[in-house]
């Protein structure tokens, strides 16, 4: 039996990884710390903190220790392969290593990196949950115009008294393949 289905929209909340292909103009650093929830008794809280952890202000980088507190060590993470029509499947360590390489290669620490959640749909059944997360990518922490958007499929499991991410699969919106409307607009409650 389906325990609950939740859909909601969040604005101005950093979201998950987009491997940038262009550098942006430098931005001014902000002093406010990341605003973590830290309570992982719900899938929403885990997802919220994950997107906060991989986003960063100018001169900084992702909070990899926090990412390790949210994703199981044996998790699989699918990311679109550059220039190919398939997904690379990475371990948690491989995901972090790839992200860190991209930060250096594309000079992402200079302008910072930010994504916002455009919509989240979460379904829970017992100790498992699945979330569809629409993310909007900004090439700099203070950018006003997005660079692109995509859809993350995130599986979570309840273990040791809290929720953990067990897998993530990412796909980007492309010409001729928009994100399905059902993920962009939450259903009536």
C-alpha atoms as a PDB file:
ATOM      1  CA  UNK A   1       0.000   0.000   0.000  1.00  0.00           C
ATOM      2  CA  UNK A   2       1.294   3.414  -0.913  1.00  0.00           C
ATOM      3  CA  UNK A   3       1.978   5.213   2.358  1.00  0.00           C
ATOM      4  CA  UNK A   4       2.102   8.721   0.966  1.00  0.00           C
ATOM      5  CA  UNK A   5       2.597  10.714  -2.178  1.00  0.00           C
ATOM      6  CA  UNK A   6       3.864  14.267  -1.801  1.00  0.00           C
ATOM      7  CA  UNK A   7       4.513  16.924  -4.399  1.00  0.00           C
ATOM      8  CA  UNK A   8       5.704  20.419  -3.701  1.00  0.00           C
ATOM      9  CA  UNK A   9       7.613  23.293  -5.269  1.00  0.00           C
ATOM     10  CA  UNK A  10      10.620  24.930  -3.698  1.00  0.00           C
ATOM     11  CA  UNK A  11      12.165  28.166  -4.876  1.00  0.00           C
ATOM     12  CA  UNK A  12      15.667  29.467  -4.276  1.00  0.00           C
ATOM     13  CA  UNK A  13      16.848  26.099  -2.941  1.00  0.00           C
ATOM     14  CA  UNK A  14      20.116  24.806  -4.410  1.00  0.00           C
ATOM     15  CA  UNK A  15      19.811  21.535  -6.301  1.00  0.00           C
ATOM     16  CA  UNK A  16      22.049  18.811  -7.615  1.00  0.00           C
ATOM     17  CA  UNK A  17      25.039  18.517  -9.990  1.00  0.00           C
ATOM     18  CA  UNK A  18      25.171  19.889 -13.515  1.00  0.00           C
ATOM     19  CA  UNK A  19      28.578  19.470 -15.125  1.00  0.00           C
ATOM     20  CA  UNK A  20      29.104  22.963 -16.504  1.00  0.00           C
ATOM     21  CA  UNK A  21      30.497  23.407 -19.968  1.00  0.00           C
ATOM     22  CA  UNK A  22      31.299  27.126 -19.766  1.00  0.00           C
ATOM     23  CA  UNK A  23      32.818  29.443 -17.199  1.00  0.00           C
ATOM     24  CA  UNK A  24      30.791  32.382 -15.893  1.00  0.00           C
ATOM     25  CA  UNK A  25      31.764  35.841 -14.709  1.00  0.00           C
ATOM     26  CA  UNK A  26      33.090  35.982 -11.141  1.00  0.00           C
ATOM     27  CA  UNK A  27      30.568  36.769  -8.413  1.00  0.00           C
ATOM     28  CA  UNK A  28      30.929  38.374  -5.008  1.00  0.00           C
ATOM     29  CA  UNK A  29      31.248  35.946  -2.092  1.00  0.00           C
ATOM     30  CA  UNK A  30      28.477  35.842   0.492  1.00  0.00           C
ATOM     31  CA  UNK A  31      29.185  35.186   4.159  1.00  0.00           C
ATOM     32  CA  UNK A  32      26.025  33.256   5.109  1.00  0.00           C
ATOM     33  CA  UNK A  33      26.705  29.576   5.862  1.00  0.00           C
ATOM     34  CA  UNK A  34      24.857  26.733   4.164  1.00  0.00           C
ATOM     35  CA  UNK A  35      21.452  26.283   5.751  1.00  0.00           C
ATOM     36  CA  UNK A  36      21.258  22.534   6.454  1.00  0.00           C
ATOM     37  CA  UNK A  37      18.232  20.899   8.001  1.00  0.00           C
ATOM     38  CA  UNK A  38      20.314  18.088   9.535  1.00  0.00           C
ATOM     39  CA  UNK A  39      17.252  15.993  10.499  1.00  0.00           C
ATOM     40  CA  UNK A  40      17.070  12.999   8.157  1.00  0.00           C
ATOM     41  CA  UNK A  41      13.790  11.554   9.413  1.00  0.00           C
ATOM     42  CA  UNK A  42      12.112  12.433   6.082  1.00  0.00           C
ATOM     43  CA  UNK A  43      13.180  12.004   2.432  1.00  0.00           C
ATOM     44  CA  UNK A  44      12.487  15.726   1.841  1.00  0.00           C
ATOM     45  CA  UNK A  45      15.099  16.741   4.395  1.00  0.00           C
ATOM     46  CA  UNK A  46      17.748  14.475   2.852  1.00  0.00           C
ATOM     47  CA  UNK A  47      17.052  15.862  -0.623  1.00  0.00           C
ATOM     48  CA  UNK A  48      17.083  19.467   0.645  1.00  0.00           C
ATOM     49  CA  UNK A  49      20.486  19.040   2.283  1.00  0.00           C
ATOM     50  CA  UNK A  50      21.977  17.164  -0.677  1.00  0.00           C
ATOM     51  CA  UNK A  51      21.322  20.029  -3.051  1.00  0.00           C
ATOM     52  CA  UNK A  52      22.661  22.520  -0.507  1.00  0.00           C
ATOM     53  CA  UNK A  53      25.843  20.462  -0.098  1.00  0.00           C
ATOM     54  CA  UNK A  54      26.768  20.348  -3.798  1.00  0.00           C
ATOM     55  CA  UNK A  55      26.086  24.055  -4.386  1.00  0.00           C
ATOM     56  CA  UNK A  56      28.700  26.578  -3.318  1.00  0.00           C
ATOM     57  CA  UNK A  57      29.566  30.256  -3.181  1.00  0.00           C
ATOM     58  CA  UNK A  58      32.472  31.884  -5.053  1.00  0.00           C
ATOM     59  CA  UNK A  59      35.849  30.697  -3.822  1.00  0.00           C
ATOM     60  CA  UNK A  60      34.368  27.543  -2.287  1.00  0.00           C
ATOM     61  CA  UNK A  61      33.500  24.020  -3.404  1.00  0.00           C
ATOM     62  CA  UNK A  62      30.964  21.351  -2.523  1.00  0.00           C
ATOM     63  CA  UNK A  63      30.599  20.110   1.048  1.00  0.00           C
ATOM     64  CA  UNK A  64      31.773  16.546   0.390  1.00  0.00           C
ATOM     65  CA  UNK A  65      31.639  15.507   4.042  1.00  0.00           C
ATOM     66  CA  UNK A  66      27.932  16.379   4.111  1.00  0.00           C
ATOM     67  CA  UNK A  67      27.370  14.527   0.808  1.00  0.00           C
ATOM     68  CA  UNK A  68      28.899  11.424   2.456  1.00  0.00           C
ATOM     69  CA  UNK A  69      26.450  11.845   5.362  1.00  0.00           C
ATOM     70  CA  UNK A  70      23.505  11.686   2.929  1.00  0.00           C
ATOM     71  CA  UNK A  71      24.443   9.016   0.363  1.00  0.00           C
ATOM     72  CA  UNK A  72      25.176   5.385   1.210  1.00  0.00           C
ATOM     73  CA  UNK A  73      28.804   4.416   0.450  1.00  0.00           C
ATOM     74  CA  UNK A  74      27.620   1.627  -1.895  1.00  0.00           C
ATOM     75  CA  UNK A  75      25.183   3.895  -3.799  1.00  0.00           C
ATOM     76  CA  UNK A  76      25.230   4.117  -7.592  1.00  0.00           C
ATOM     77  CA  UNK A  77      25.057   7.510  -9.281  1.00  0.00           C
ATOM     78  CA  UNK A  78      24.206   7.808 -12.982  1.00  0.00           C
ATOM     79  CA  UNK A  79      25.389  10.937 -14.777  1.00  0.00           C
ATOM     80  CA  UNK A  80      25.025  11.743 -18.495  1.00  0.00           C
ATOM     81  CA  UNK A  81      28.249  10.881 -20.328  1.00  0.00           C
ATOM     82  CA  UNK A  82      29.758  13.875 -22.129  1.00  0.00           C
ATOM     83  CA  UNK A  83      29.155  13.759 -25.856  1.00  0.00           C
ATOM     84  CA  UNK A  84      27.427  10.378 -25.704  1.00  0.00           C
ATOM     85  CA  UNK A  85      23.866   9.134 -25.525  1.00  0.00           C
ATOM     86  CA  UNK A  86      24.270   7.057 -22.360  1.00  0.00           C
ATOM     87  CA  UNK A  87      24.825   7.323 -18.610  1.00  0.00           C
ATOM     88  CA  UNK A  88      28.078   6.830 -16.724  1.00  0.00           C
ATOM     89  CA  UNK A  89      27.379   4.915 -13.512  1.00  0.00           C
ATOM     90  CA  UNK A  90      29.625   6.018 -10.680  1.00  0.00           C
ATOM     91  CA  UNK A  91      30.273   5.085  -7.078  1.00  0.00           C
ATOM     92  CA  UNK A  92      29.923   7.776  -4.424  1.00  0.00           C
ATOM     93  CA  UNK A  93      33.698   8.299  -4.493  1.00  0.00           C
ATOM     94  CA  UNK A  94      33.645   8.426  -8.312  1.00  0.00           C
ATOM     95  CA  UNK A  95      30.850  11.012  -8.263  1.00  0.00           C
ATOM     96  CA  UNK A  96      32.729  13.249  -5.825  1.00  0.00           C
ATOM     97  CA  UNK A  97      35.979  12.857  -7.778  1.00  0.00           C
ATOM     98  CA  UNK A  98      34.268  13.723 -11.089  1.00  0.00           C
ATOM     99  CA  UNK A  99      32.556  16.757  -9.555  1.00  0.00           C
ATOM    100  CA  UNK A 100      35.853  17.987  -8.065  1.00  0.00           C
ATOM    101  CA  UNK A 101      37.580  17.570 -11.452  1.00  0.00           C
ATOM    102  CA  UNK A 102      34.818  19.571 -13.152  1.00  0.00           C
ATOM    103  CA  UNK A 103      35.145  22.358 -10.559  1.00  0.00           C
ATOM    104  CA  UNK A 104      38.832  22.694 -11.491  1.00  0.00           C
ATOM    105  CA  UNK A 105      38.462  22.140 -15.242  1.00  0.00           C
ATOM    106  CA  UNK A 106      35.678  24.686 -15.689  1.00  0.00           C
ATOM    107  CA  UNK A 107      36.885  27.081 -12.971  1.00  0.00           C
ATOM    108  CA  UNK A 108      33.586  26.741 -11.147  1.00  0.00           C
ATOM    109  CA  UNK A 109      34.988  27.903  -7.799  1.00  0.00           C
ATOM    110  CA  UNK A 110      35.498  31.426  -9.176  1.00  0.00           C
ATOM    111  CA  UNK A 111      31.803  32.219  -9.816  1.00  0.00           C
ATOM    112  CA  UNK A 112      30.366  29.577  -7.494  1.00  0.00           C
ATOM    113  CA  UNK A 113      27.722  27.050  -8.472  1.00  0.00           C
ATOM    114  CA  UNK A 114      23.985  26.949  -7.776  1.00  0.00           C
ATOM    115  CA  UNK A 115      20.959  24.942  -8.704  1.00  0.00           C
ATOM    116  CA  UNK A 116      17.382  25.471  -7.591  1.00  0.00           C
ATOM    117  CA  UNK A 117      14.695  22.862  -7.218  1.00  0.00           C
ATOM    118  CA  UNK A 118      11.851  23.478  -9.663  1.00  0.00           C
ATOM    119  CA  UNK A 119       9.655  20.707  -8.291  1.00  0.00           C
ATOM    120  CA  UNK A 120       9.810  17.538  -6.209  1.00  0.00           C
ATOM    121  CA  UNK A 121       7.522  14.530  -6.276  1.00  0.00           C
ATOM    122  CA  UNK A 122       8.150  11.929  -3.559  1.00  0.00           C
ATOM    123  CA  UNK A 123       6.471   8.559  -3.184  1.00  0.00           C
ATOM    124  CA  UNK A 124       7.046   6.447  -0.069  1.00  0.00           C
ATOM    125  CA  UNK A 125       6.178   2.846   0.663  1.00  0.00           C
ATOM    126  CA  UNK A 126       7.407   1.463   3.971  1.00  0.00           C
ATOM    127  CA  UNK A 127      11.173   1.847   4.105  1.00  0.00           C
ATOM    128  CA  UNK A 128      11.699   2.907   0.484  1.00  0.00           C
ATOM    129  CA  UNK A 129      11.048   6.176  -1.303  1.00  0.00           C
ATOM    130  CA  UNK A 130      11.504   7.560  -4.791  1.00  0.00           C
ATOM    131  CA  UNK A 131      11.847  11.246  -5.638  1.00  0.00           C
ATOM    132  CA  UNK A 132      11.686  13.004  -8.996  1.00  0.00           C
ATOM    133  CA  UNK A 133      13.530  16.304  -8.632  1.00  0.00           C
ATOM    134  CA  UNK A 134      13.457  18.987 -11.331  1.00  0.00           C
ATOM    135  CA  UNK A 135      16.574  21.131 -11.002  1.00  0.00           C
ATOM    136  CA  UNK A 136      17.462  24.479 -12.574  1.00  0.00           C
ATOM    137  CA  UNK A 137      21.172  25.183 -13.108  1.00  0.00           C
ATOM    138  CA  UNK A 138      22.864  28.547 -12.612  1.00  0.00           C
ATOM    139  CA  UNK A 139      26.451  28.986 -13.844  1.00  0.00           C
ATOM    140  CA  UNK A 140      27.261  31.320 -10.936  1.00  0.00           C
ATOM    141  CA  UNK A 141      26.079  31.635  -7.344  1.00  0.00           C
ATOM    142  CA  UNK A 142      24.394  34.993  -8.003  1.00  0.00           C
ATOM    143  CA  UNK A 143      23.314  34.400 -11.635  1.00  0.00           C
ATOM    144  CA  UNK A 144      19.792  35.506 -12.482  1.00  0.00           C
ATOM    145  CA  UNK A 145      19.389  33.539 -15.735  1.00  0.00           C
ATOM    146  CA  UNK A 146      19.538  29.724 -15.655  1.00  0.00           C
ATOM    147  CA  UNK A 147      21.928  27.772 -17.852  1.00  0.00           C
ATOM    148  CA  UNK A 148      19.681  24.713 -18.129  1.00  0.00           C
ATOM    149  CA  UNK A 149      17.590  22.219 -16.212  1.00  0.00           C
ATOM    150  CA  UNK A 150      17.204  18.506 -15.732  1.00  0.00           C
ATOM    151  CA  UNK A 151      15.495  15.725 -13.820  1.00  0.00           C
ATOM    152  CA  UNK A 152      16.995  13.569 -11.066  1.00  0.00           C
ATOM    153  CA  UNK A 153      15.512  10.224 -10.085  1.00  0.00           C
ATOM    154  CA  UNK A 154      16.555   9.555  -6.477  1.00  0.00           C
ATOM    155  CA  UNK A 155      15.950   6.351  -4.527  1.00  0.00           C
ATOM    156  CA  UNK A 156      16.066   6.495  -0.738  1.00  0.00           C
ATOM    157  CA  UNK A 157      15.967   3.797   1.938  1.00  0.00           C
ATOM    158  CA  UNK A 158      15.169   4.014   5.651  1.00  0.00           C
ATOM    159  CA  UNK A 159      17.995   2.399   7.616  1.00  0.00           C
ATOM    160  CA  UNK A 160      19.377   2.842  11.144  1.00  0.00           C
ATOM    161  CA  UNK A 161      16.621   5.286  12.117  1.00  0.00           C
ATOM    162  CA  UNK A 162      16.963   7.693   9.167  1.00  0.00           C
ATOM    163  CA  UNK A 163      16.666   8.095   5.381  1.00  0.00           C
ATOM    164  CA  UNK A 164      19.677   7.575   3.060  1.00  0.00           C
ATOM    165  CA  UNK A 165      20.102   8.025  -0.696  1.00  0.00           C
ATOM    166  CA  UNK A 166      20.799   4.662  -2.328  1.00  0.00           C
ATOM    167  CA  UNK A 167      20.903   5.800  -5.982  1.00  0.00           C
ATOM    168  CA  UNK A 168      20.645   8.853  -8.212  1.00  0.00           C
ATOM    169  CA  UNK A 169      20.111   9.014 -11.981  1.00  0.00           C
ATOM    170  CA  UNK A 170      20.335  12.355 -13.789  1.00  0.00           C
ATOM    171  CA  UNK A 171      19.085  13.417 -17.220  1.00  0.00           C
ATOM    172  CA  UNK A 172      19.169  16.866 -18.769  1.00  0.00           C
ATOM    173  CA  UNK A 173      16.429  18.510 -20.754  1.00  0.00           C
ATOM    174  CA  UNK A 174      17.359  18.850 -24.439  1.00  0.00           C
ATOM    175  CA  UNK A 175      15.771  20.297 -27.562  1.00  0.00           C
ATOM    176  CA  UNK A 176      12.925  17.993 -28.535  1.00  0.00           C
ATOM    177  CA  UNK A 177      12.958  16.321 -25.107  1.00  0.00           C
ATOM    178  CA  UNK A 178      11.418  18.626 -22.499  1.00  0.00           C
ATOM    179  CA  UNK A 179      10.891  17.589 -18.904  1.00  0.00           C
ATOM    180  CA  UNK A 180       7.393  16.067 -18.617  1.00  0.00           C
ATOM    181  CA  UNK A 181       4.831  18.575 -17.349  1.00  0.00           C
ATOM    182  CA  UNK A 182       3.787  16.299 -14.464  1.00  0.00           C
ATOM    183  CA  UNK A 183       7.160  16.967 -12.772  1.00  0.00           C
ATOM    184  CA  UNK A 184       7.033  20.737 -13.306  1.00  0.00           C
ATOM    185  CA  UNK A 185       3.660  21.446 -11.744  1.00  0.00           C
ATOM    186  CA  UNK A 186       2.627  19.732  -8.531  1.00  0.00           C
ATOM    187  CA  UNK A 187      -0.732  17.936  -8.684  1.00  0.00           C
ATOM    188  CA  UNK A 188      -3.652  19.425  -6.711  1.00  0.00           C
ATOM    189  CA  UNK A 189      -3.655  18.445  -3.043  1.00  0.00           C
END
